[in-house]
């Protein structure tokens, strides 16, 4: 289903190198807001160590964000020393294609990590990439995201039920 992830985990740092290798994922597109950073600009705990383990295994990363806040995006980009695509207009394919071109990797080998079904997961599925949903770091959200969260919770419950016994 276009609204379902292929992996659902608590936080980005729970995604292991082993899992990525098992699924032939050679690169990750990473959302920023509530995925890597909270709204007080605090980075998710263990992010640098996690990224270092990916880098050792030649797994590329790029930031893919709908944000237009350059300083915030640059902060994460510089912290991890990775490129970025901002104002990506997720779930439209445009930003995904632009980031894919920078990575130089086939879409089937790219994982997309984010905290929102209606932007990150739908966009990844539409772009034929591997969708990975993480729980939001913080409860605080932008007003438009807050409106969608109850519907996302219904989708997540249905998804989790579909995964029982697999």
Protein backbone atom coordinates (compact mmCIF):
# COMPACT_ATOMS: atom_id res chain seq x y z
CA UNK A 1 0.00 0.00 0.00
CA UNK A 2 1.26 3.48 -0.86
CA UNK A 3 0.62 4.71 2.71
CA UNK A 4 2.53 1.90 4.43
CA UNK A 5 6.23 1.91 5.29
CA UNK A 6 8.40 -1.17 4.83
CA UNK A 7 9.95 -0.54 8.24
CA UNK A 8 8.59 1.26 11.28
CA UNK A 9 10.88 2.05 14.19
CA UNK A 10 11.14 4.31 17.19
CA UNK A 11 13.97 6.53 15.95
CA UNK A 12 16.39 6.91 13.06
CA UNK A 13 19.29 5.47 15.08
CA UNK A 14 17.38 2.16 15.38
CA UNK A 15 17.96 1.53 11.66
CA UNK A 16 20.91 -0.86 11.57
CA UNK A 17 23.61 -1.31 8.95
CA UNK A 18 22.69 -5.01 8.93
CA UNK A 19 19.06 -4.22 8.06
CA UNK A 20 20.13 -1.86 5.28
CA UNK A 21 22.50 -4.45 3.82
CA UNK A 22 19.86 -7.22 4.03
CA UNK A 23 17.52 -4.99 2.03
CA UNK A 24 20.18 -3.82 -0.43
CA UNK A 25 19.85 -0.19 0.70
CA UNK A 26 22.93 1.77 -0.39
CA UNK A 27 21.73 5.26 0.53
CA UNK A 28 19.28 7.04 2.82
CA UNK A 29 17.30 10.22 2.30
CA UNK A 30 16.76 11.74 5.74
CA UNK A 31 13.98 14.07 6.81
CA UNK A 32 14.95 16.73 9.36
CA UNK A 33 12.00 18.03 11.41
CA UNK A 34 11.03 15.58 14.13
CA UNK A 35 13.26 12.92 12.53
CA UNK A 36 16.81 14.24 13.09
CA UNK A 37 15.98 17.40 15.06
CA UNK A 38 13.27 18.46 17.47
CA UNK A 39 11.79 21.96 17.34
CA UNK A 40 14.36 23.26 19.83
CA UNK A 41 17.03 22.18 17.32
CA UNK A 42 18.26 19.33 19.54
CA UNK A 43 19.71 16.47 17.52
CA UNK A 44 18.39 12.95 18.14
CA UNK A 45 20.65 11.21 20.65
CA UNK A 46 23.41 9.10 19.06
CA UNK A 47 22.99 10.55 15.57
CA UNK A 48 26.67 11.19 14.86
CA UNK A 49 27.73 7.73 16.04
CA UNK A 50 24.95 6.12 14.00
CA UNK A 51 25.90 8.05 10.87
CA UNK A 52 29.56 7.15 11.39
CA UNK A 53 28.63 3.44 11.30
CA UNK A 54 26.78 3.98 8.00
CA UNK A 55 29.70 5.89 6.52
CA UNK A 56 32.12 3.05 7.39
CA UNK A 57 29.92 0.74 5.31
CA UNK A 58 29.76 3.20 2.38
CA UNK A 59 26.06 3.91 2.87
CA UNK A 60 25.46 7.41 1.51
CA UNK A 61 23.07 9.90 3.06
CA UNK A 62 21.37 13.08 1.96
CA UNK A 63 18.92 15.39 3.70
CA UNK A 64 15.54 15.66 2.02
CA UNK A 65 13.37 18.25 3.73
CA UNK A 66 10.27 20.26 2.94
CA UNK A 67 11.67 23.02 5.15
CA UNK A 68 12.78 26.35 3.74
CA UNK A 69 14.82 27.19 6.87
CA UNK A 70 18.35 27.19 5.42
CA UNK A 71 20.22 27.64 8.72
CA UNK A 72 18.54 24.61 10.30
CA UNK A 73 19.17 22.41 7.24
CA UNK A 74 22.79 23.60 6.93
CA UNK A 75 23.36 22.88 10.64
CA UNK A 76 22.52 19.18 10.16
CA UNK A 77 24.21 19.03 6.77
CA UNK A 78 27.46 20.36 8.24
CA UNK A 79 27.22 18.22 11.39
CA UNK A 80 27.05 15.04 9.29
CA UNK A 81 28.94 16.41 6.29
CA UNK A 82 26.21 15.38 3.84
CA UNK A 83 24.42 17.21 1.02
CA UNK A 84 20.84 18.42 1.23
CA UNK A 85 17.76 19.16 -0.81
CA UNK A 86 15.41 21.59 0.89
CA UNK A 87 11.90 22.71 -0.02
CA UNK A 88 11.54 19.22 -1.49
CA UNK A 89 7.72 19.42 -1.89
CA UNK A 90 7.24 15.89 -0.54
CA UNK A 91 5.23 13.78 -1.43
CA UNK A 92 5.76 15.10 -4.97
CA UNK A 93 8.53 13.25 -6.81
CA UNK A 94 10.58 16.35 -7.72
CA UNK A 95 12.67 16.52 -4.53
CA UNK A 96 13.17 12.75 -4.45
CA UNK A 97 14.46 12.78 -8.04
CA UNK A 98 16.79 15.70 -7.32
CA UNK A 99 18.24 13.95 -4.26
CA UNK A 100 18.54 10.67 -6.17
CA UNK A 101 20.52 12.41 -8.91
CA UNK A 102 22.94 13.79 -6.29
CA UNK A 103 23.34 10.32 -4.75
CA UNK A 104 23.76 8.62 -8.12
CA UNK A 105 22.01 5.46 -6.88
CA UNK A 106 19.08 3.49 -8.33
CA UNK A 107 15.78 4.26 -6.57
CA UNK A 108 15.28 0.64 -5.47
CA UNK A 109 18.50 0.94 -3.41
CA UNK A 110 17.46 4.12 -1.57
CA UNK A 111 15.71 4.23 1.78
CA UNK A 112 13.67 7.26 2.77
CA UNK A 113 13.48 8.00 6.50
CA UNK A 114 10.87 10.33 7.95
CA UNK A 115 8.21 10.79 10.60
CA UNK A 116 5.22 11.53 8.35
CA UNK A 117 3.14 9.16 6.27
CA UNK A 118 1.61 11.81 4.02
CA UNK A 119 4.93 13.31 2.96
CA UNK A 120 7.86 10.92 3.53
CA UNK A 121 6.21 7.51 3.14
CA UNK A 122 3.85 8.30 0.27
CA UNK A 123 6.64 10.17 -1.54
CA UNK A 124 9.07 7.27 -1.09
CA UNK A 125 6.54 4.74 -2.36
CA UNK A 126 5.62 6.94 -5.35
CA UNK A 127 9.34 7.28 -6.14
CA UNK A 128 9.88 3.49 -5.93
CA UNK A 129 12.15 3.85 -2.89
CA UNK A 130 12.21 1.97 0.44
CA UNK A 131 9.99 3.85 2.94
CA UNK A 132 11.07 3.88 6.61
CA UNK A 133 8.77 5.52 9.15
CA UNK A 134 10.11 6.69 12.50
CA UNK A 135 8.18 8.01 15.46
CA UNK A 136 8.36 11.80 15.83
CA UNK A 137 11.11 12.86 18.26
CA UNK A 138 8.86 15.39 19.99
CA UNK A 139 5.14 15.88 20.51
CA UNK A 140 5.33 19.43 19.15
CA UNK A 141 4.47 19.77 15.45
CA UNK A 142 3.74 22.43 12.89
CA UNK A 143 0.00 23.18 12.77
CA UNK A 144 -0.50 21.43 9.40
CA UNK A 145 1.27 18.32 10.67
CA UNK A 146 -0.77 18.34 13.90
CA UNK A 147 -3.95 18.17 11.83
CA UNK A 148 -2.73 15.02 10.03
CA UNK A 149 -1.37 13.13 13.08
CA UNK A 150 -4.68 11.51 14.17
CA UNK A 151 -5.16 10.10 10.65
CA UNK A 152 -1.55 8.91 10.61
CA UNK A 153 -2.12 7.13 13.92
CA UNK A 154 -5.04 5.22 12.37
CA UNK A 155 -2.86 4.23 9.40
CA UNK A 156 -0.04 3.11 11.73
CA UNK A 157 -2.42 0.97 13.81
CA UNK A 158 -3.73 -0.67 10.65
CA UNK A 159 -0.18 -1.17 9.36
CA UNK A 160 0.96 -2.76 12.64
CA UNK A 161 -2.05 -5.07 12.59
CA UNK A 162 -1.18 -6.12 9.01
CA UNK A 163 2.35 -7.00 10.20
CA UNK A 164 1.21 -9.32 13.02
CA UNK A 165 2.35 -12.86 12.40
CA UNK A 166 4.76 -11.93 9.59
